PDB file of N, CA and C in Angstrom:
ATOM      1  N   UNK A   1      93.309 -53.016-121.879  1.00  0.00           N
ATOM      2  CA  UNK A   1      94.579 -52.531-122.362  1.00  0.00           C
ATOM      3  C   UNK A   1      95.700 -53.141-121.518  1.00  0.00           C
ATOM      4  N   UNK A   2      96.773 -53.517-122.192  1.00  0.00           N
ATOM      5  CA  UNK A   2      97.876 -54.180-121.529  1.00  0.00           C
ATOM      6  C   UNK A   2      98.854 -53.151-120.955  1.00  0.00           C
ATOM      7  N   UNK A   3      99.145 -53.305-119.677  1.00  0.00           N
ATOM      8  CA  UNK A   3     100.094 -52.395-119.040  1.00  0.00           C
ATOM      9  C   UNK A   3     101.514 -52.929-119.210  1.00  0.00           C
ATOM     10  N   UNK A   4     102.472 -52.111-118.833  1.00  0.00           N
ATOM     11  CA  UNK A   4     103.870 -52.526-118.942  1.00  0.00           C
ATOM     12  C   UNK A   4     104.182 -53.738-118.081  1.00  0.00           C
ATOM     13  N   UNK A   5     103.530 -53.846-116.932  1.00  0.00           N
ATOM     14  CA  UNK A   5     103.765 -54.991-116.050  1.00  0.00           C
ATOM     15  C   UNK A   5     103.441 -56.297-116.754  1.00  0.00           C
ATOM     16  N   UNK A   6     102.270 -56.371-117.392  1.00  0.00           N
ATOM     17  CA  UNK A   6     101.868 -57.597-118.074  1.00  0.00           C
ATOM     18  C   UNK A   6     102.770 -57.885-119.272  1.00  0.00           C
ATOM     19  N   UNK A   7     103.254 -56.850-119.931  1.00  0.00           N
ATOM     20  CA  UNK A   7     104.175 -57.056-121.051  1.00  0.00           C
ATOM     21  C   UNK A   7     105.482 -57.665-120.564  1.00  0.00           C
ATOM     22  N   UNK A   8     105.974 -57.192-119.433  1.00  0.00           N
ATOM     23  CA  UNK A   8     107.208 -57.761-118.874  1.00  0.00           C
ATOM     24  C   UNK A   8     107.003 -59.206-118.428  1.00  0.00           C
ATOM     25  N   UNK A   9     105.858 -59.480-117.834  1.00  0.00           N
ATOM     26  CA  UNK A   9     105.570 -60.852-117.402  1.00  0.00           C
ATOM     27  C   UNK A   9     105.464 -61.774-118.612  1.00  0.00           C
ATOM     28  N   UNK A  10     104.786 -61.337-119.658  1.00  0.00           N
ATOM     29  CA  UNK A  10     104.677 -62.149-120.871  1.00  0.00           C
ATOM     30  C   UNK A  10     106.041 -62.374-121.505  1.00  0.00           C
ATOM     31  N   UNK A  11     106.859 -61.342-121.563  1.00  0.00           N
ATOM     32  CA  UNK A  11     108.194 -61.486-122.148  1.00  0.00           C
ATOM     33  C   UNK A  11     109.043 -62.461-121.335  1.00  0.00           C
ATOM     34  N   UNK A  12     108.959 -62.383-120.019  1.00  0.00           N
ATOM     35  CA  UNK A  12     109.722 -63.299-119.171  1.00  0.00           C
ATOM     36  C   UNK A  12     109.266 -64.741-119.357  1.00  0.00           C
ATOM     37  N   UNK A  13     107.955 -64.953-119.432  1.00  0.00           N
ATOM     38  CA  UNK A  13     107.454 -66.314-119.621  1.00  0.00           C
ATOM     39  C   UNK A  13     107.832 -66.868-120.990  1.00  0.00           C
ATOM     40  N   UNK A  14     107.825 -66.028-122.000  1.00  0.00           N
ATOM     41  CA  UNK A  14     108.215 -66.485-123.336  1.00  0.00           C
ATOM     42  C   UNK A  14     109.701 -66.823-123.366  1.00  0.00           C
ATOM     43  N   UNK A  15     110.538 -66.032-122.676  1.00  0.00           N
ATOM     44  CA  UNK A  15     111.960 -66.355-122.603  1.00  0.00           C
ATOM     45  C   UNK A  15     112.205 -67.663-121.853  1.00  0.00           C
ATOM     46  N   UNK A  16     111.467 -67.885-120.790  1.00  0.00           N
ATOM     47  CA  UNK A  16     111.587 -69.144-120.047  1.00  0.00           C
ATOM     48  C   UNK A  16     111.176 -70.309-120.929  1.00  0.00           C
ATOM     49  N   UNK A  17     110.091 -70.143-121.676  1.00  0.00           N
ATOM     50  CA  UNK A  17     109.627 -71.201-122.563  1.00  0.00           C
ATOM     51  C   UNK A  17     110.647 -71.484-123.664  1.00  0.00           C
ATOM     52  N   UNK A  18     111.247 -70.443-124.226  1.00  0.00           N
ATOM     53  CA  UNK A  18     112.266 -70.642-125.263  1.00  0.00           C
ATOM     54  C   UNK A  18     113.498 -71.353-124.699  1.00  0.00           C
ATOM     55  N   UNK A  19     113.891 -71.001-123.480  1.00  0.00           N
ATOM     56  CA  UNK A  19     115.028 -71.678-122.854  1.00  0.00           C
ATOM     57  C   UNK A  19     114.727 -73.150-122.619  1.00  0.00           C
ATOM     58  N   UNK A  20     113.505 -73.453-122.226  1.00  0.00           N
ATOM     59  CA  UNK A  20     113.127 -74.850-122.017  1.00  0.00           C
ATOM     60  C   UNK A  20     113.158 -75.640-123.319  1.00  0.00           C
ATOM     61  N   UNK A  21     112.731 -75.026-124.404  1.00  0.00           N
ATOM     62  CA  UNK A  21     112.758 -75.713-125.701  1.00  0.00           C
ATOM     63  C   UNK A  21     114.198 -76.014-126.108  1.00  0.00           C
ATOM     64  N   UNK A  22     115.075 -75.036-125.936  1.00  0.00           N
ATOM     65  CA  UNK A  22     116.485 -75.243-126.288  1.00  0.00           C
ATOM     66  C   UNK A  22     117.100 -76.335-125.426  1.00  0.00           C
ATOM     67  N   UNK A  23     116.857 -76.295-124.132  1.00  0.00           N
ATOM     68  CA  UNK A  23     117.400 -77.314-123.243  1.00  0.00           C
ATOM     69  C   UNK A  23     116.823 -78.693-123.528  1.00  0.00           C
ATOM     70  N   UNK A  24     115.563 -78.739-123.914  1.00  0.00           N
ATOM     71  CA  UNK A  24     114.939 -80.025-124.214  1.00  0.00           C
ATOM     72  C   UNK A  24     115.623 -80.689-125.407  1.00  0.00           C
ATOM     73  N   UNK A  25     115.937 -79.915-126.435  1.00  0.00           N
ATOM     74  CA  UNK A  25     116.556 -80.507-127.617  1.00  0.00           C
ATOM     75  C   UNK A  25     118.025 -80.856-127.397  1.00  0.00           C
ATOM     76  N   UNK A  26     118.643 -80.334-126.354  1.00  0.00           N
ATOM     77  CA  UNK A  26     120.035 -80.659-126.068  1.00  0.00           C
ATOM     78  C   UNK A  26     120.171 -81.939-125.247  1.00  0.00           C
ATOM     79  N   UNK A  27     119.100 -82.372-124.599  1.00  0.00           N
ATOM     80  CA  UNK A  27     119.154 -83.582-123.778  1.00  0.00           C
ATOM     81  C   UNK A  27     119.012 -84.818-124.660  1.00  0.00           C
ATOM     82  N   UNK A  28     119.598 -85.906-124.193  1.00  0.00           N
ATOM     83  CA  UNK A  28     119.538 -87.161-124.945  1.00  0.00           C
ATOM     84  C   UNK A  28     118.485 -88.129-124.399  1.00  0.00           C
ATOM     85  N   UNK A  29     118.311 -88.146-123.095  1.00  0.00           N
ATOM     86  CA  UNK A  29     117.427 -89.126-122.461  1.00  0.00           C
ATOM     87  C   UNK A  29     115.956 -88.754-122.670  1.00  0.00           C
ATOM     88  N   UNK A  30     115.155 -89.759-122.876  1.00  0.00           N
ATOM     89  CA  UNK A  30     113.730 -89.563-123.112  1.00  0.00           C
ATOM     90  C   UNK A  30     113.030 -88.986-121.888  1.00  0.00           C
ATOM     91  N   UNK A  31     113.369 -89.458-120.718  1.00  0.00           N
ATOM     92  CA  UNK A  31     112.705 -88.970-119.502  1.00  0.00           C
ATOM     93  C   UNK A  31     113.024 -87.505-119.236  1.00  0.00           C
ATOM     94  N   UNK A  32     114.245 -87.084-119.553  1.00  0.00           N
ATOM     95  CA  UNK A  32     114.591 -85.668-119.399  1.00  0.00           C
ATOM     96  C   UNK A  32     113.761 -84.807-120.344  1.00  0.00           C
ATOM     97  N   UNK A  33     113.595 -85.277-121.572  1.00  0.00           N
ATOM     98  CA  UNK A  33     112.791 -84.528-122.540  1.00  0.00           C
ATOM     99  C   UNK A  33     111.337 -84.450-122.101  1.00  0.00           C
ATOM    100  N   UNK A  34     110.814 -85.541-121.551  1.00  0.00           N
ATOM    101  CA  UNK A  34     109.427 -85.535-121.077  1.00  0.00           C
ATOM    102  C   UNK A  34     109.250 -84.582-119.897  1.00  0.00           C
ATOM    103  N   UNK A  35     110.235 -84.525-119.015  1.00  0.00           N
ATOM    104  CA  UNK A  35     110.151 -83.575-117.902  1.00  0.00           C
ATOM    105  C   UNK A  35     110.096 -82.144-118.401  1.00  0.00           C
ATOM    106  N   UNK A  36     110.880 -81.831-119.442  1.00  0.00           N
ATOM    107  CA  UNK A  36     110.825 -80.487-120.011  1.00  0.00           C
ATOM    108  C   UNK A  36     109.465 -80.211-120.650  1.00  0.00           C
ATOM    109  N   UNK A  37     108.902 -81.213-121.307  1.00  0.00           N
ATOM    110  CA  UNK A  37     107.585 -81.023-121.923  1.00  0.00           C
ATOM    111  C   UNK A  37     106.531 -80.759-120.862  1.00  0.00           C
ATOM    112  N   UNK A  38     106.588 -81.481-119.760  1.00  0.00           N
ATOM    113  CA  UNK A  38     105.602 -81.271-118.700  1.00  0.00           C
ATOM    114  C   UNK A  38     105.793 -79.911-118.028  1.00  0.00           C
ATOM    115  N   UNK A  39     107.035 -79.472-117.886  1.00  0.00           N
ATOM    116  CA  UNK A  39     107.292 -78.144-117.331  1.00  0.00           C
ATOM    117  C   UNK A  39     106.823 -77.052-118.297  1.00  0.00           C
ATOM    118  N   UNK A  40     107.009 -77.281-119.593  1.00  0.00           N
ATOM    119  CA  UNK A  40     106.536 -76.316-120.588  1.00  0.00           C
ATOM    120  C   UNK A  40     105.016 -76.223-120.564  1.00  0.00           C
ATOM    121  N   UNK A  41     104.352 -77.328-120.266  1.00  0.00           N
ATOM    122  CA  UNK A  41     102.900 -77.319-120.155  1.00  0.00           C
ATOM    123  C   UNK A  41     102.462 -76.341-119.063  1.00  0.00           C
ATOM    124  N   UNK A  42     103.175 -76.335-117.944  1.00  0.00           N
ATOM    125  CA  UNK A  42     102.849 -75.414-116.858  1.00  0.00           C
ATOM    126  C   UNK A  42     103.081 -73.960-117.262  1.00  0.00           C
ATOM    127  N   UNK A  43     104.173 -73.699-117.974  1.00  0.00           N
ATOM    128  CA  UNK A  43     104.468 -72.340-118.410  1.00  0.00           C
ATOM    129  C   UNK A  43     103.436 -71.871-119.434  1.00  0.00           C
ATOM    130  N   UNK A  44     102.986 -72.763-120.292  1.00  0.00           N
ATOM    131  CA  UNK A  44     101.962 -72.391-121.276  1.00  0.00           C
ATOM    132  C   UNK A  44     100.649 -72.053-120.581  1.00  0.00           C
ATOM    133  N   UNK A  45     100.302 -72.792-119.532  1.00  0.00           N
ATOM    134  CA  UNK A  45      99.093 -72.468-118.764  1.00  0.00           C
ATOM    135  C   UNK A  45      99.235 -71.081-118.133  1.00  0.00           C
ATOM    136  N   UNK A  46     100.411 -70.771-117.608  1.00  0.00           N
ATOM    137  CA  UNK A  46     100.646 -69.435-117.057  1.00  0.00           C
ATOM    138  C   UNK A  46     100.549 -68.359-118.131  1.00  0.00           C
ATOM    139  N   UNK A  47     101.065 -68.649-119.320  1.00  0.00           N
ATOM    140  CA  UNK A  47     100.944 -67.696-120.433  1.00  0.00           C
ATOM    141  C   UNK A  47      99.484 -67.425-120.774  1.00  0.00           C
ATOM    142  N   UNK A  48      98.684 -68.470-120.825  1.00  0.00           N
ATOM    143  CA  UNK A  48      97.262 -68.304-121.130  1.00  0.00           C
ATOM    144  C   UNK A  48      96.588 -67.438-120.066  1.00  0.00           C
ATOM    145  N   UNK A  49      96.918 -67.695-118.807  1.00  0.00           N
ATOM    146  CA  UNK A  49      96.319 -66.914-117.725  1.00  0.00           C
ATOM    147  C   UNK A  49      96.758 -65.454-117.758  1.00  0.00           C
ATOM    148  N   UNK A  50      98.012 -65.201-118.043  1.00  0.00           N
ATOM    149  CA  UNK A  50      98.500 -63.823-118.094  1.00  0.00           C
ATOM    150  C   UNK A  50      97.858 -63.069-119.250  1.00  0.00           C
ATOM    151  N   UNK A  51      97.701 -63.733-120.392  1.00  0.00           N
ATOM    152  CA  UNK A  51      97.026 -63.088-121.522  1.00  0.00           C
ATOM    153  C   UNK A  51      95.586 -62.741-121.147  1.00  0.00           C
ATOM    154  N   UNK A  52      94.932 -63.638-120.420  1.00  0.00           N
ATOM    155  CA  UNK A  52      93.566 -63.365-119.984  1.00  0.00           C
ATOM    156  C   UNK A  52      93.477 -62.194-119.021  1.00  0.00           C
ATOM    157  N   UNK A  53      94.392 -62.147-118.054  1.00  0.00           N
ATOM    158  CA  UNK A  53      94.372 -61.036-117.107  1.00  0.00           C
ATOM    159  C   UNK A  53      94.756 -59.725-117.768  1.00  0.00           C
ATOM    160  N   UNK A  54      95.681 -59.771-118.706  1.00  0.00           N
ATOM    161  CA  UNK A  54      96.101 -58.543-119.385  1.00  0.00           C
ATOM    162  C   UNK A  54      95.006 -58.000-120.289  1.00  0.00           C
ATOM    163  N   UNK A  55      94.240 -58.891-120.891  1.00  0.00           N
ATOM    164  CA  UNK A  55      93.183 -58.461-121.797  1.00  0.00           C
ATOM    165  C   UNK A  55      91.849 -58.177-121.129  1.00  0.00           C
ATOM    166  N   UNK A  56      91.742 -58.505-119.858  1.00  0.00           N
ATOM    167  CA  UNK A  56      90.505 -58.236-119.143  1.00  0.00           C
ATOM    168  C   UNK A  56      89.426 -59.292-119.331  1.00  0.00           C
ATOM    169  N   UNK A  57      89.767 -60.449-119.873  1.00  0.00           N
ATOM    170  CA  UNK A  57      88.801 -61.536-120.068  1.00  0.00           C
ATOM    171  C   UNK A  57      89.213 -62.746-119.243  1.00  0.00           C
ATOM    172  N   UNK A  58      89.311 -62.563-117.940  1.00  0.00           N
ATOM    173  CA  UNK A  58      89.796 -63.630-117.076  1.00  0.00           C
ATOM    174  C   UNK A  58      88.933 -64.873-117.132  1.00  0.00           C
ATOM    175  N   UNK A  59      87.610 -64.686-117.177  1.00  0.00           N
ATOM    176  CA  UNK A  59      86.694 -65.824-117.093  1.00  0.00           C
ATOM    177  C   UNK A  59      86.892 -66.800-118.251  1.00  0.00           C
ATOM    178  N   UNK A  60      87.033 -66.296-119.461  1.00  0.00           N
ATOM    179  CA  UNK A  60      87.192 -67.164-120.624  1.00  0.00           C
ATOM    180  C   UNK A  60      88.564 -67.852-120.604  1.00  0.00           C
ATOM    181  N   UNK A  61      89.611 -67.103-120.286  1.00  0.00           N
ATOM    182  CA  UNK A  61      90.948 -67.669-120.335  1.00  0.00           C
ATOM    183  C   UNK A  61      91.220 -68.615-119.178  1.00  0.00           C
ATOM    184  N   UNK A  62      90.551 -68.426-118.050  1.00  0.00           N
ATOM    185  CA  UNK A  62      90.696 -69.386-116.954  1.00  0.00           C
ATOM    186  C   UNK A  62      90.118 -70.736-117.365  1.00  0.00           C
ATOM    187  N   UNK A  63      88.985 -70.731-118.054  1.00  0.00           N
ATOM    188  CA  UNK A  63      88.405 -71.985-118.540  1.00  0.00           C
ATOM    189  C   UNK A  63      89.330 -72.672-119.539  1.00  0.00           C
ATOM    190  N   UNK A  64      89.924 -71.894-120.433  1.00  0.00           N
ATOM    191  CA  UNK A  64      90.840 -72.462-121.426  1.00  0.00           C
ATOM    192  C   UNK A  64      92.075 -73.034-120.743  1.00  0.00           C
ATOM    193  N   UNK A  65      92.638 -72.299-119.793  1.00  0.00           N
ATOM    194  CA  UNK A  65      93.825 -72.765-119.083  1.00  0.00           C
ATOM    195  C   UNK A  65      93.523 -74.012-118.251  1.00  0.00           C
ATOM    196  N   UNK A  66      92.371 -74.054-117.638  1.00  0.00           N
ATOM    197  CA  UNK A  66      91.992 -75.236-116.857  1.00  0.00           C
ATOM    198  C   UNK A  66      91.845 -76.458-117.758  1.00  0.00           C
ATOM    199  N   UNK A  67      91.218 -76.288-118.901  1.00  0.00           N
ATOM    200  CA  UNK A  67      91.075 -77.396-119.854  1.00  0.00           C
ATOM    201  C   UNK A  67      92.437 -77.866-120.349  1.00  0.00           C
ATOM    202  N   UNK A  68      93.320 -76.934-120.645  1.00  0.00           N
ATOM    203  CA  UNK A  68      94.658 -77.287-121.117  1.00  0.00           C
ATOM    204  C   UNK A  68      95.451 -78.013-120.042  1.00  0.00           C
ATOM    205  N   UNK A  69      95.327 -77.579-118.798  1.00  0.00           N
ATOM    206  CA  UNK A  69      96.072 -78.233-117.727  1.00  0.00           C
ATOM    207  C   UNK A  69      95.530 -79.634-117.448  1.00  0.00           C
ATOM    208  N   UNK A  70      94.232 -79.825-117.533  1.00  0.00           N
ATOM    209  CA  UNK A  70      93.666 -81.167-117.364  1.00  0.00           C
ATOM    210  C   UNK A  70      94.130 -82.085-118.482  1.00  0.00           C
ATOM    211  N   UNK A  71      94.154 -81.581-119.702  1.00  0.00           N
ATOM    212  CA  UNK A  71      94.646 -82.363-120.828  1.00  0.00           C
ATOM    213  C   UNK A  71      96.122 -82.721-120.640  1.00  0.00           C
ATOM    214  N   UNK A  72      96.925 -81.789-120.156  1.00  0.00           N
ATOM    215  CA  UNK A  72      98.331 -82.068-119.891  1.00  0.00           C
ATOM    216  C   UNK A  72      98.522 -83.094-118.792  1.00  0.00           C
ATOM    217  N   UNK A  73      97.687 -83.031-117.757  1.00  0.00           N
ATOM    218  CA  UNK A  73      97.777 -84.009-116.678  1.00  0.00           C
ATOM    219  C   UNK A  73      97.431 -85.409-117.166  1.00  0.00           C
ATOM    220  N   UNK A  74      96.364 -85.525-117.921  1.00  0.00           N
ATOM    221  CA  UNK A  74      95.962 -86.834-118.448  1.00  0.00           C
ATOM    222  C   UNK A  74      97.050 -87.384-119.365  1.00  0.00           C
ATOM    223  N   UNK A  75      97.630 -86.529-120.184  1.00  0.00           N
ATOM    224  CA  UNK A  75      98.713 -86.956-121.066  1.00  0.00           C
ATOM    225  C   UNK A  75      99.912 -87.447-120.265  1.00  0.00           C
ATOM    226  N   UNK A  76     100.263 -86.751-119.205  1.00  0.00           N
ATOM    227  CA  UNK A  76     101.404 -87.181-118.397  1.00  0.00           C
ATOM    228  C   UNK A  76     101.143 -88.512-117.706  1.00  0.00           C
ATOM    229  N   UNK A  77      99.931 -88.730-117.255  1.00  0.00           N
ATOM    230  CA  UNK A  77      99.599 -90.010-116.622  1.00  0.00           C
ATOM    231  C   UNK A  77      99.666 -91.143-117.641  1.00  0.00           C
ATOM    232  N   UNK A  78      99.139 -90.908-118.837  1.00  0.00           N
ATOM    233  CA  UNK A  78      99.172 -91.941-119.879  1.00  0.00           C
ATOM    234  C   UNK A  78     100.603 -92.250-120.288  1.00  0.00           C
ATOM    235  N   UNK A  79     101.428 -91.221-120.482  1.00  0.00           N
ATOM    236  CA  UNK A  79     102.826 -91.451-120.859  1.00  0.00           C
ATOM    237  C   UNK A  79     103.611 -92.131-119.743  1.00  0.00           C
ATOM    238  N   UNK A  80     103.344 -91.781-118.508  1.00  0.00           N
ATOM    239  CA  UNK A  80     104.035 -92.427-117.393  1.00  0.00           C
ATOM    240  C   UNK A  80     103.667 -93.910-117.323  1.00  0.00           C
ATOM    241  N   UNK A  81     102.425 -94.217-117.559  1.00  0.00           N
ATOM    242  CA  UNK A  81     101.997 -95.622-117.556  1.00  0.00           C
ATOM    243  C   UNK A  81     102.618 -96.370-118.725  1.00  0.00           C
ATOM    244  N   UNK A  82     102.690 -95.723-119.887  1.00  0.00           N
ATOM    245  CA  UNK A  82     103.241 -96.370-121.078  1.00  0.00           C
ATOM    246  C   UNK A  82     104.743 -96.601-120.931  1.00  0.00           C
ATOM    247  N   UNK A  83     105.462 -95.596-120.414  1.00  0.00           N
ATOM    248  CA  UNK A  83     106.906 -95.727-120.274  1.00  0.00           C
ATOM    249  C   UNK A  83     107.257 -96.645-119.108  1.00  0.00           C
ATOM    250  N   UNK A  84     106.485 -96.567-118.040  1.00  0.00           N
ATOM    251  CA  UNK A  84     106.754 -97.379-116.861  1.00  0.00           C
ATOM    252  C   UNK A  84     106.565 -98.862-117.110  1.00  0.00           C
ATOM    253  N   UNK A  85     105.755 -99.204-118.067  1.00  0.00           N
ATOM    254  CA  UNK A  85     105.514-100.595-118.379  1.00  0.00           C
ATOM    255  C   UNK A  85     104.495-101.231-117.441  1.00  0.00           C
ATOM    256  N   UNK A  86     104.286-102.494-117.680  1.00  0.00           N
ATOM    257  CA  UNK A  86     103.307-103.230-116.888  1.00  0.00           C
ATOM    258  C   UNK A  86     104.043-104.129-115.903  1.00  0.00           C
ATOM    259  N   UNK A  87     103.679-104.059-114.653  1.00  0.00           N
ATOM    260  CA  UNK A  87     104.300-104.910-113.642  1.00  0.00           C
ATOM    261  C   UNK A  87     103.524-106.222-113.548  1.00  0.00           C
ATOM    262  N   UNK A  88     104.263-107.297-113.426  1.00  0.00           N
ATOM    263  CA  UNK A  88     103.625-108.616-113.365  1.00  0.00           C
ATOM    264  C   UNK A  88     103.548-109.144-111.971  1.00  0.00           C
TER     265      UNK A  88
END
């Protein structure tokens, strides 16, 4: 059962995520938008973990959050290599 504490934490994380989405669409530069996407990835991992702790299924949600964070890291490395270009 979810207590009031976890509800407040979830609401705060969702508000932070919504603010990041709004700020991301207001920026013009590609690198600024990518930084917001990578920061949102971290907040989404926190959301997954909080849902797991609130629901009492930490073991399953920790695995999901770990997989999501590894996928986000690999994506950031690939995008950084693609945007950075090839040095000669």
